[in-house]
Amino acid sequence: MIIETMRLTMATKIGFLLLACTCFLLVAKPVQACTRAVYQGPNGMTITGRSMDWKDEIPANLWLFPRGMQRNGAVGPNSVTWTSKYGSVVASAFDIASTDGMNEKGLVANLLWLAESKYPEYKPSQKGLSVAAWVQYVLDNFATVEEAVNALRSEPFVVVSANIPGTDRFATLHLSISDAKGDNAIFEYIDGKLVIHHGMAYTVMTNSPTFEKQLALDGYWQQVGGLNMLPGTNRAADRFVRASFYIDAIPQTSNPRIAVASVFSVIRNVSVPFGISSEEEPNISSTRWRALSDQKNLVYYFETALTPNTFWVDLKKVNFEQNQPVKRLLVANNEVYAGDALSSFKPAKPFEFAGL
C-alpha cells in the first residue's frame, strides 16, 4: 500500500507540531544522524548537499561505477536483478552499502537514518532488494525523480533490512532523491507502508521524526521567522529548521563557485562538531563526512572531518561506457586529496551489498 503526498496545508503542519516534538523526544536508541538540503538557483543551478553523522567511525570510500553492470538485490534467490543504465559516483559505508551519490544524468540519492521506519514483512516468494542497495538501484535505473517515482510507487520489490553487520542495530533508513531540474522525492516505510512525498518543495530532510512531521515543524518556524530566531541545538528537528531557512537565504546565483560554497556553508552549519554524541539524544552524532552534488555541472564534492581538504570528481571527465573498470578512491584511512581527484581513482573489485 502506498500513501503519496504532494503538500501539506499550514493547518495540518501546525496540527502535527506537538505530536512531532513528542515523538522525537521519545526515541531512545543510538542511531545515525544526517542532514540533506537541495539548493534551487537560477538558470538550472541545482545542488544537493548532505552530512553523514554517526556515533562511531563509519569508513567511507568513493566508487565510480560504469553502465552495464549486472546487479543483484542481495536478499537470496528472489533478489531483484538489473543491469545499470547509467554510470554513477557513490560514497560507500563500510564498503557494504551505497549511501550517497549522483549518476551521469544528475540524479542524486541520499540514504539517511529514520528510527520510525518499519518495512513490510518480506516473504521469500517476493522480489526483494536489500536496503544497502536502495541508493544504487535508483542511480542505476533512473534519470529523473518523476521517472523513479512512477516506477517505484508500484512497489516492484520489497525493501529488506537487517542488522548492521557486527552489531545488534537494525538498519532503519529512508531515501531522498533529487534531479537536475530541482525535483525531489522522499521515500519512507511507515508501519509497513510506502509513503512517497514528491514535489519541488521537499528540499530538506533530516532524521526523526517522519518527514510529514518534519514539515509540520518547518511550518511553525516559518511563522516565527528565521531572521528573528532559529533553534540552535544539534537535534535533528533543529537541524531541519536551520537547513530549511539557510538553503533559501543564501545567494541566488548561477555562479557555480559561489553556489557550491554557499551550500557547503549550510551543510557545515548543520553538521555536528567532531567528538559530540549523546546517548540521551539519539539523533546527535558527530559528522563524519559531507558530500555535495552539483547536478547542473555534474561535479561531486567530498570532504571528511579528519582531513583538511575538499576534493571532487567531474563526472563529465569519467568514461562510463560499459565494460570500463570499476574504480575506487580510498578515503577510509583518512587519505588526503585536494582538487580534482579523478586521477587518484584506481581499478577495484566492486563491493557486495550487505543482505540476507
Protein backbone atom coordinates (compact mmCIF):
# COMPACT_ATOMS: atom_id res chain seq x y z
CA MET A 1 0.00 0.00 0.00
CA ILE A 2 1.30 3.44 -0.89
CA ILE A 3 0.47 6.84 0.56
CA GLU A 4 1.70 9.64 -1.69
CA THR A 5 1.66 13.31 -0.72
CA MET A 6 2.36 16.46 -2.68
CA ARG A 7 1.95 19.09 0.03
CA LEU A 8 0.57 19.80 3.49
CA THR A 9 -1.67 22.73 4.34
CA MET A 10 -0.43 25.09 7.01
CA ALA A 11 -3.21 23.99 9.32
CA THR A 12 -2.10 20.39 9.00
CA LYS A 13 1.51 21.37 9.63
CA ILE A 14 0.67 23.19 12.86
CA GLY A 15 -1.59 20.34 13.93
CA PHE A 16 1.34 17.92 13.79
CA LEU A 17 3.75 20.15 15.72
CA LEU A 18 3.30 18.98 19.30
CA LEU A 19 3.00 15.34 18.27
CA ALA A 20 6.20 15.65 16.25
CA CYS A 21 8.13 17.06 19.16
CA THR A 22 6.84 14.36 21.48
CA CYS A 23 7.75 11.54 19.10
CA PHE A 24 11.20 12.96 18.61
CA LEU A 25 11.96 13.11 22.31
CA LEU A 26 10.75 9.59 23.00
CA VAL A 27 13.20 7.86 20.65
CA ALA A 28 15.94 6.30 22.77
CA LYS A 29 18.28 4.22 20.62
CA PRO A 30 21.70 5.30 19.34
CA VAL A 31 21.30 5.93 15.63
CA GLN A 32 22.74 7.73 12.67
CA ALA A 33 22.03 11.44 12.28
CA CYS A 34 22.34 13.22 8.95
CA THR A 35 21.04 16.25 7.08
CA ARG A 36 20.25 16.75 3.39
CA ALA A 37 19.38 20.03 1.64
CA VAL A 38 18.77 20.97 -2.01
CA TYR A 39 19.62 24.39 -3.47
CA GLN A 40 17.44 25.57 -6.37
CA GLY A 41 19.19 28.52 -8.02
CA PRO A 42 18.72 30.47 -11.24
CA ASN A 43 19.43 29.09 -14.71
CA GLY A 44 19.04 25.49 -13.61
CA MET A 45 21.62 25.63 -10.83
CA THR A 46 20.68 22.68 -8.59
CA ILE A 47 22.95 21.44 -5.82
CA THR A 48 22.29 18.78 -3.19
CA GLY A 49 24.40 18.73 -0.03
CA ARG A 50 24.37 16.27 2.85
CA SER A 51 26.25 15.37 6.00
CA MET A 52 26.87 11.85 7.26
CA ASP A 53 26.72 11.73 11.06
CA TRP A 54 27.42 8.64 13.12
CA LYS A 55 28.31 7.85 16.71
CA ASP A 56 31.29 5.67 15.71
CA GLU A 57 33.69 5.69 12.80
CA ILE A 58 31.91 4.77 9.55
CA PRO A 59 34.60 4.11 6.93
CA ALA A 60 33.71 5.53 3.52
CA ASN A 61 35.22 5.20 0.07
CA LEU A 62 34.20 6.74 -3.25
CA TRP A 63 33.38 4.50 -6.21
CA LEU A 64 32.91 5.02 -9.94
CA PHE A 65 30.50 2.50 -11.48
CA PRO A 66 30.11 2.24 -15.29
CA ARG A 67 26.98 1.44 -17.27
CA GLY A 68 26.10 -2.17 -17.97
CA MET A 69 26.88 -3.64 -14.54
CA GLN A 70 24.91 -6.72 -13.55
CA ARG A 71 23.34 -6.11 -10.15
CA ASN A 72 21.64 -8.25 -7.53
CA GLY A 73 19.39 -7.20 -4.63
CA ALA A 74 21.32 -9.40 -2.15
CA VAL A 75 18.36 -10.99 -0.35
CA GLY A 76 18.51 -14.54 -1.67
CA PRO A 77 17.17 -16.46 -4.67
CA ASN A 78 14.35 -13.98 -5.35
CA SER A 79 16.53 -10.90 -5.27
CA VAL A 80 15.62 -8.29 -7.86
CA THR A 81 18.23 -8.15 -10.63
CA TRP A 82 19.05 -5.36 -13.04
CA THR A 83 21.65 -4.01 -15.45
CA SER A 84 22.80 -0.46 -14.77
CA LYS A 85 21.62 2.02 -17.39
CA TYR A 86 23.66 4.94 -16.03
CA GLY A 87 27.13 5.38 -14.61
CA SER A 88 27.48 6.89 -11.15
CA VAL A 89 29.76 8.04 -8.38
CA VAL A 90 28.83 6.87 -4.88
CA ALA A 91 30.07 7.09 -1.32
CA SER A 92 30.01 3.70 0.39
CA ALA A 93 29.63 2.81 4.06
CA PHE A 94 31.95 0.03 5.22
CA ASP A 95 32.08 -0.98 1.53
CA ILE A 96 28.81 -2.85 2.01
CA ALA A 97 26.27 -0.15 1.02
CA SER A 98 25.86 2.82 -1.28
CA THR A 99 24.78 5.67 0.98
CA ASP A 100 25.06 8.72 -1.26
CA GLY A 101 25.81 9.50 -4.89
CA MET A 102 25.00 11.05 -8.25
CA ASN A 103 24.60 9.47 -11.66
CA GLU A 104 25.65 10.85 -15.03
CA LYS A 105 22.19 12.37 -15.59
CA GLY A 106 22.39 14.45 -12.42
CA LEU A 107 20.06 12.30 -10.32
CA VAL A 108 21.16 12.27 -6.67
CA ALA A 109 20.20 9.74 -3.98
CA ASN A 110 20.84 10.03 -0.25
CA LEU A 111 20.24 7.40 2.43
CA LEU A 112 19.51 8.75 5.94
CA TRP A 113 18.51 7.12 9.21
CA LEU A 114 14.86 7.10 10.30
CA ALA A 115 14.20 5.30 13.59
CA GLU A 116 10.47 5.15 12.83
CA SER A 117 10.98 3.09 9.66
CA LYS A 118 9.07 -0.18 9.58
CA TYR A 119 9.45 -2.18 6.39
CA PRO A 120 6.92 -4.67 5.01
CA GLU A 121 7.35 -8.28 6.03
CA TYR A 122 9.49 -9.97 3.40
CA LYS A 123 8.39 -13.32 2.11
CA PRO A 124 10.95 -15.34 0.10
CA SER A 125 8.40 -15.69 -2.72
CA GLN A 126 8.54 -11.92 -3.30
CA LYS A 127 11.11 -9.92 -5.20
CA GLY A 128 13.41 -8.26 -2.70
CA LEU A 129 16.07 -5.53 -2.55
CA SER A 130 18.50 -5.02 0.32
CA VAL A 131 18.25 -1.55 1.84
CA ALA A 132 22.03 -1.40 1.29
CA ALA A 133 21.38 -1.38 -2.49
CA TRP A 134 18.44 1.06 -2.47
CA VAL A 135 20.53 4.10 -3.45
CA GLN A 136 22.35 2.15 -6.15
CA TYR A 137 19.15 0.79 -7.67
CA VAL A 138 17.82 4.32 -8.13
CA LEU A 139 21.07 5.71 -9.54
CA ASP A 140 21.47 2.77 -11.93
CA ASN A 141 17.96 2.89 -13.34
CA PHE A 142 16.56 6.42 -13.44
CA ALA A 143 17.41 9.83 -14.90
CA THR A 144 14.75 11.94 -13.14
CA VAL A 145 12.77 11.97 -9.92
CA GLU A 146 9.47 11.67 -11.78
CA GLU A 147 10.73 8.57 -13.58
CA ALA A 148 11.81 6.99 -10.29
CA VAL A 149 8.55 7.80 -8.51
CA ASN A 150 6.45 6.41 -11.36
CA ALA A 151 8.44 3.16 -11.30
CA LEU A 152 8.70 2.69 -7.53
CA ARG A 153 5.18 3.63 -6.49
CA SER A 154 4.00 0.26 -7.85
CA GLU A 155 6.39 -1.45 -5.39
CA PRO A 156 8.07 -3.84 -7.83
CA PHE A 157 10.07 -5.27 -4.91
CA VAL A 158 10.15 -5.32 -1.12
CA VAL A 159 12.90 -3.31 0.57
CA VAL A 160 14.56 -5.67 3.05
CA SER A 161 16.68 -4.62 6.01
CA ALA A 162 18.69 -6.42 8.68
CA ASN A 163 21.15 -5.68 11.48
CA ILE A 164 24.20 -3.64 10.58
CA PRO A 165 26.98 -6.24 10.24
CA GLY A 166 28.83 -6.74 13.52
CA THR A 167 26.14 -5.03 15.60
CA ASP A 168 22.70 -5.71 17.05
CA ARG A 169 21.42 -2.45 15.48
CA PHE A 170 18.65 -2.92 12.90
CA ALA A 171 19.09 -0.60 9.92
CA THR A 172 16.09 1.74 9.61
CA LEU A 173 16.54 4.17 6.73
CA HIS A 174 14.65 6.48 4.43
CA LEU A 175 15.65 7.65 0.96
CA SER A 176 15.73 11.11 -0.61
CA ILE A 177 16.28 11.79 -4.30
CA SER A 178 16.63 14.95 -6.37
CA ASP A 179 17.32 15.63 -10.03
CA ALA A 180 18.92 18.27 -12.23
CA LYS A 181 15.58 20.08 -12.57
CA GLY A 182 15.31 20.52 -8.80
CA ASP A 183 12.53 17.97 -8.36
CA ASN A 184 12.52 15.96 -5.13
CA ALA A 185 11.05 12.85 -3.57
CA ILE A 186 11.26 11.24 -0.15
CA PHE A 187 10.59 7.51 0.29
CA GLU A 188 9.74 6.19 3.76
CA TYR A 189 8.28 2.95 5.07
CA ILE A 190 5.92 3.75 7.93
CA ASP A 191 4.05 0.87 9.61
CA GLY A 192 4.94 -1.33 6.66
CA LYS A 193 3.52 1.07 4.07
CA LEU A 194 5.46 3.01 1.45
CA VAL A 195 4.98 6.77 1.84
CA ILE A 196 6.19 9.00 -1.01
CA HIS A 197 6.49 12.77 -0.73
CA HIS A 198 7.03 14.13 -4.25
CA GLY A 199 7.43 17.79 -5.14
CA MET A 200 9.82 20.65 -5.79
CA ALA A 201 9.31 21.99 -2.27
CA TYR A 202 10.75 18.97 -0.42
CA THR A 203 14.30 20.27 -0.34
CA VAL A 204 15.36 19.45 3.23
CA MET A 205 15.38 16.20 5.20
CA THR A 206 16.96 15.06 8.45
CA ASN A 207 16.23 12.05 10.68
CA SER A 208 13.40 11.64 13.15
CA PRO A 209 10.57 12.44 13.16
CA THR A 210 8.93 11.16 9.98
CA PHE A 211 9.09 13.56 7.05
CA GLU A 212 5.45 14.58 7.40
CA LYS A 213 6.15 15.74 10.94
CA GLN A 214 9.36 17.46 9.86
CA LEU A 215 7.19 19.56 7.55
CA ALA A 216 4.94 20.43 10.48
CA LEU A 217 7.93 21.67 12.46
CA ASP A 218 9.08 23.71 9.48
CA GLY A 219 5.66 25.34 9.18
CA TYR A 220 5.82 26.52 12.76
CA TRP A 221 9.30 28.03 12.39
CA GLN A 222 8.35 29.74 9.14
CA GLN A 223 5.77 31.66 11.15
CA VAL A 224 8.39 32.58 13.74
CA GLY A 225 10.77 33.80 11.01
CA GLY A 226 14.41 32.75 10.72
CA LEU A 227 15.69 36.30 10.99
CA ASN A 228 14.08 36.59 14.41
CA MET A 229 15.20 33.30 15.90
CA LEU A 230 16.37 29.84 14.87
CA PRO A 231 16.75 26.75 17.06
CA GLY A 232 20.43 26.16 17.65
CA THR A 233 20.87 22.66 19.06
CA ASN A 234 22.23 19.61 17.25
CA ARG A 235 18.89 17.79 17.42
CA ALA A 236 17.50 16.53 14.13
CA ALA A 237 14.42 18.77 14.30
CA ASP A 238 16.56 21.88 14.92
CA ARG A 239 18.95 20.97 12.11
CA PHE A 240 15.98 20.62 9.76
CA VAL A 241 14.74 24.12 10.62
CA ARG A 242 18.16 25.74 10.19
CA ALA A 243 18.85 23.97 6.90
CA SER A 244 15.41 24.88 5.61
CA PHE A 245 15.92 28.56 6.39
CA TYR A 246 19.52 28.89 5.21
CA ILE A 247 19.13 26.98 1.95
CA ASP A 248 16.63 29.66 0.89
CA ALA A 249 18.57 32.55 2.45
CA ILE A 250 21.94 32.02 0.72
CA PRO A 251 22.65 33.96 -2.52
CA GLN A 252 20.64 33.08 -5.60
CA THR A 253 23.36 32.72 -8.22
CA SER A 254 24.26 30.72 -11.30
CA ASN A 255 27.97 31.10 -10.50
CA PRO A 256 29.00 27.55 -9.51
CA ARG A 257 31.86 28.69 -7.30
CA ILE A 258 29.57 30.87 -5.17
CA ALA A 259 26.69 28.39 -5.22
CA VAL A 260 28.86 25.46 -4.16
CA ALA A 261 30.50 27.48 -1.38
CA SER A 262 27.09 28.66 -0.18
CA VAL A 263 25.60 25.17 0.00
CA PHE A 264 28.70 23.85 1.77
CA SER A 265 28.27 26.65 4.31
CA VAL A 266 24.71 25.47 5.01
CA ILE A 267 25.74 21.82 5.42
CA ARG A 268 28.62 22.80 7.69
CA ASN A 269 26.21 24.91 9.76
CA VAL A 270 24.01 21.89 10.44
CA SER A 271 26.91 19.50 10.99
CA VAL A 272 27.61 18.17 14.47
CA PRO A 273 31.08 19.01 15.85
CA PHE A 274 33.53 16.14 15.90
CA GLY A 275 33.51 14.15 19.13
CA ILE A 276 29.94 15.11 20.04
CA SER A 277 27.42 12.35 20.68
CA SER A 278 24.68 11.73 23.19
CA GLU A 279 23.10 8.55 24.49
CA GLU A 280 20.11 10.61 25.68
CA GLU A 281 19.68 12.39 22.32
CA PRO A 282 19.83 9.60 19.74
CA ASN A 283 19.87 11.82 16.66
CA ILE A 284 23.01 13.65 17.77
CA SER A 285 26.21 12.11 16.41
CA SER A 286 29.44 13.54 15.07
CA THR A 287 29.57 14.48 11.41
CA ARG A 288 31.99 12.07 9.71
CA TRP A 289 31.84 13.40 6.15
CA ARG A 290 29.99 15.81 3.86
CA ALA A 291 29.13 15.42 0.18
CA LEU A 292 27.81 17.93 -2.31
CA SER A 293 26.44 17.22 -5.82
CA ASP A 294 26.41 19.98 -8.44
CA GLN A 295 23.67 18.50 -10.61
CA LYS A 296 23.91 21.08 -13.37
CA ASN A 297 27.65 20.79 -13.90
CA LEU A 298 27.89 17.12 -12.79
CA VAL A 299 30.61 17.60 -10.18
CA TYR A 300 30.62 15.57 -6.94
CA TYR A 301 32.40 17.16 -3.96
CA PHE A 302 33.50 15.39 -0.79
CA GLU A 303 35.22 16.18 2.49
CA THR A 304 35.80 14.30 5.73
CA ALA A 305 36.05 15.53 9.29
CA LEU A 306 39.61 14.27 9.74
CA THR A 307 41.18 15.59 6.52
CA PRO A 308 41.78 19.26 5.76
CA ASN A 309 40.77 19.45 2.10
CA THR A 310 37.67 19.37 -0.04
CA PHE A 311 38.11 17.38 -3.25
CA TRP A 312 35.88 16.47 -6.16
CA VAL A 313 35.31 14.38 -9.26
CA ASP A 314 33.96 15.83 -12.51
CA LEU A 315 31.60 13.24 -13.95
CA LYS A 316 31.91 14.79 -17.41
CA LYS A 317 35.51 13.56 -17.48
CA VAL A 318 34.62 9.98 -16.46
CA ASN A 319 34.32 7.23 -19.06
CA PHE A 320 31.15 5.43 -18.00
CA GLU A 321 31.00 3.18 -21.07
CA GLN A 322 30.05 -0.45 -20.50
CA ASN A 323 32.99 -2.75 -19.65
CA GLN A 324 35.05 0.11 -18.26
CA PRO A 325 36.63 -0.90 -14.94
CA VAL A 326 35.04 -0.10 -11.62
CA LYS A 327 37.26 2.38 -9.78
CA ARG A 328 37.66 3.28 -6.12
CA LEU A 329 39.07 6.27 -4.27
CA LEU A 330 40.25 5.30 -0.80
CA VAL A 331 39.01 7.63 1.93
CA ALA A 332 38.50 5.22 4.84
CA ASN A 333 42.05 5.68 6.19
CA ASN A 334 41.95 9.49 6.16
CA GLU A 335 43.74 9.77 2.83
CA VAL A 336 44.26 13.40 1.81
CA TYR A 337 43.25 14.74 -1.62
CA ALA A 338 42.80 18.22 -2.98
CA GLY A 339 41.04 19.50 -6.08
CA ASP A 340 40.02 17.15 -8.89
CA ALA A 341 40.77 13.65 -7.57
CA LEU A 342 39.74 11.68 -10.68
CA SER A 343 43.30 10.57 -11.43
CA SER A 344 43.58 9.06 -7.94
CA PHE A 345 40.74 6.57 -8.50
CA LYS A 346 42.14 3.07 -9.05
CA PRO A 347 40.54 -0.06 -10.57
CA ALA A 348 38.98 -2.25 -7.89
CA LYS A 349 36.60 -5.15 -7.50
CA PRO A 350 33.10 -3.78 -6.75
CA PHE A 351 31.90 -4.30 -3.20
CA GLU A 352 29.00 -6.62 -2.44
CA PHE A 353 25.86 -5.20 -0.87
CA ALA A 354 25.06 -6.37 2.65
CA GLY A 355 21.95 -8.52 2.61
CA LEU A 356 20.37 -11.65 3.96
